[in-house]
Protein backbone atom coordinates (compact mmCIF):
# COMPACT_ATOMS: atom_id res chain seq x y z
CA MET A 1 38.39 -92.10 37.57
CA ARG A 2 36.14 -94.92 35.47
CA LYS A 3 35.66 -96.24 38.77
CA LEU A 4 34.26 -93.15 40.37
CA PHE A 5 32.03 -92.60 37.07
CA LEU A 6 30.87 -95.96 37.41
CA LEU A 7 29.95 -95.78 40.96
CA LEU A 8 28.11 -92.52 40.62
CA SER A 9 26.19 -94.11 37.57
CA LEU A 10 25.27 -97.12 39.48
CA THR A 11 24.23 -94.93 42.56
CA GLN A 12 22.22 -93.10 40.43
CA PHE A 13 20.12 -95.97 38.92
CA ILE A 14 19.73 -97.47 42.17
CA VAL A 15 18.30 -94.30 43.75
CA SER A 16 16.10 -93.76 40.44
CA CYS A 17 14.66 -97.66 40.70
CA SER A 18 13.88 -97.31 44.27
CA ASN A 19 10.45 -97.31 45.41
CA ASP A 20 9.52 -95.45 48.66
CA SER A 21 5.79 -96.71 49.18
CA SER A 22 5.62 -94.78 52.62
CA GLU A 23 6.04 -91.58 50.67
CA GLU A 24 3.52 -92.38 47.95
CA ASN A 25 0.90 -93.42 50.58
CA GLU A 26 1.50 -90.21 52.46
CA ASP A 27 0.74 -88.00 49.15
CA ASP A 28 -2.34 -90.19 48.51
CA ASN A 29 -3.56 -89.88 51.91
CA ASN A 30 -2.82 -86.13 51.98
CA GLN A 31 -4.66 -85.00 48.95
CA GLY A 32 -6.22 -87.91 47.28
CA GLY A 33 -3.77 -88.28 44.38
CA LYS A 34 -5.01 -84.97 42.92
CA TYR A 35 -2.77 -82.73 40.66
CA PHE A 36 -2.08 -78.95 41.75
CA VAL A 37 -0.78 -76.46 39.39
CA ILE A 38 -0.40 -72.84 40.51
CA GLY A 39 0.20 -69.53 38.28
CA SER A 40 -2.22 -66.86 36.88
CA LYS A 41 -5.21 -67.03 34.61
CA TYR A 42 -6.57 -64.28 32.71
CA GLY A 43 -9.92 -63.13 33.93
CA ARG A 44 -11.67 -60.03 35.50
CA ASN A 45 -9.88 -58.53 38.25
CA ALA A 46 -11.55 -56.52 41.24
CA ALA A 47 -11.82 -53.52 39.12
CA ASN A 48 -13.92 -55.42 36.67
CA ASN A 49 -10.82 -55.28 34.12
CA PHE A 50 -9.36 -58.16 32.44
CA SER A 51 -6.09 -58.94 33.91
CA TRP A 52 -4.04 -61.79 35.30
CA LEU A 53 -4.96 -63.54 38.39
CA ALA A 54 -3.81 -65.77 40.79
CA ALA A 55 -5.18 -69.19 40.35
CA VAL A 56 -4.91 -72.85 41.20
CA TRP A 57 -5.73 -76.01 39.07
CA VAL A 58 -6.75 -78.89 40.56
CA ASP A 59 -6.93 -81.90 38.50
CA GLY A 60 -6.98 -79.47 35.48
CA VAL A 61 -9.88 -77.38 36.74
CA PRO A 62 -8.88 -73.68 37.58
CA THR A 63 -9.99 -71.60 40.59
CA VAL A 64 -9.02 -67.75 40.61
CA LEU A 65 -7.82 -66.93 44.12
CA PRO A 66 -9.33 -63.99 45.75
CA ASN A 67 -7.36 -60.80 45.28
CA ALA A 68 -8.38 -57.03 45.39
CA GLY A 69 -5.43 -55.80 43.09
CA MET A 70 -4.90 -55.32 39.46
CA VAL A 71 -2.67 -58.30 38.83
CA SER A 72 -2.00 -61.25 40.89
CA VAL A 73 0.51 -64.53 40.81
CA ALA A 74 0.56 -67.58 42.62
CA ASN A 75 4.02 -68.63 42.80
CA ALA A 76 4.58 -71.55 45.47
CA ILE A 77 2.17 -74.18 47.15
CA ALA A 78 2.39 -76.44 49.99
CA PHE A 79 0.03 -78.88 52.02
CA TYR A 80 0.13 -79.24 55.86
CA ASN A 81 -2.78 -81.35 57.60
CA ASN A 82 -5.09 -81.35 54.68
CA ASP A 83 -4.74 -77.60 54.31
CA THR A 84 -3.31 -75.78 51.19
CA TYR A 85 -1.08 -73.00 51.44
CA ILE A 86 -0.38 -70.76 48.31
CA ALA A 87 2.23 -67.84 48.33
CA GLY A 88 2.14 -65.18 46.01
CA THR A 89 1.91 -61.55 45.21
CA GLU A 90 -0.77 -58.91 44.19
CA THR A 91 -0.02 -55.64 42.13
CA LEU A 92 -2.23 -52.72 43.30
CA GLU A 93 -3.51 -49.70 41.16
CA ASN A 94 -0.35 -47.57 42.37
CA GLY A 95 2.02 -50.18 41.19
CA SER A 96 2.99 -51.28 44.93
CA ASN A 97 3.27 -55.12 45.61
CA ILE A 98 1.39 -57.00 48.66
CA LEU A 99 2.82 -60.44 49.65
CA LYS A 100 -0.32 -62.72 49.81
CA LEU A 101 -0.99 -66.06 51.48
CA TRP A 102 -4.02 -67.96 50.59
CA LYS A 103 -4.80 -70.88 53.11
CA ASN A 104 -7.63 -73.14 51.39
CA ASN A 105 -8.16 -70.19 48.86
CA ALA A 106 -8.81 -67.50 51.39
CA SER A 107 -6.50 -64.52 51.38
CA GLU A 108 -4.59 -62.96 53.88
CA ASN A 109 -2.00 -59.95 53.11
CA LEU A 110 1.24 -60.17 54.65
CA THR A 111 2.77 -56.72 53.77
CA ASP A 112 1.53 -53.22 53.24
CA GLY A 113 2.66 -52.69 49.86
CA THR A 114 5.23 -50.10 50.73
CA HIS A 115 8.22 -52.66 49.58
CA ARG A 116 8.89 -54.46 46.42
CA VAL A 117 7.96 -58.20 47.45
CA GLU A 118 7.84 -61.43 45.53
CA ALA A 119 7.22 -64.93 47.01
CA THR A 120 9.15 -67.77 45.51
CA ASP A 121 8.87 -70.84 47.78
CA ILE A 122 6.75 -71.73 50.74
CA ALA A 123 6.99 -74.31 53.31
CA VAL A 124 4.84 -75.53 56.37
CA ASN A 125 6.31 -77.12 59.26
CA GLN A 126 4.45 -77.93 62.60
CA GLY A 127 1.69 -75.34 61.52
CA ASN A 128 4.52 -72.49 61.04
CA VAL A 129 4.57 -70.96 57.46
CA TYR A 130 7.51 -69.94 55.89
CA ILE A 131 7.89 -67.98 52.65
CA VAL A 132 10.77 -67.23 50.46
């Protein structure tokens, strides 16, 4: 049992100390070393009322994403071919939710609001967008 624990500890140490420079260079080339944060920012919605609105922060600077609802939230972000994809939800005045996709900050409704939806993750592979 001690040997197994020692082996696992040593493996974890080696993995945590390894440096995959190709991965770092790929990230730097794709986004120029920028830091991205997504969520919601308090501001005025489409009806000019104060509400929580989906937003993306790039290097600490917030940008509210386009929305037509009362409340919106950005839940996941992915990058592909210098494009930024953000998945989230928007709540309308009648309480229904719409699944949203923002590509380079331009919005697209993916559902019609007849069912409860929530985006939790996003991935882009060979131009195909997958939202969980």
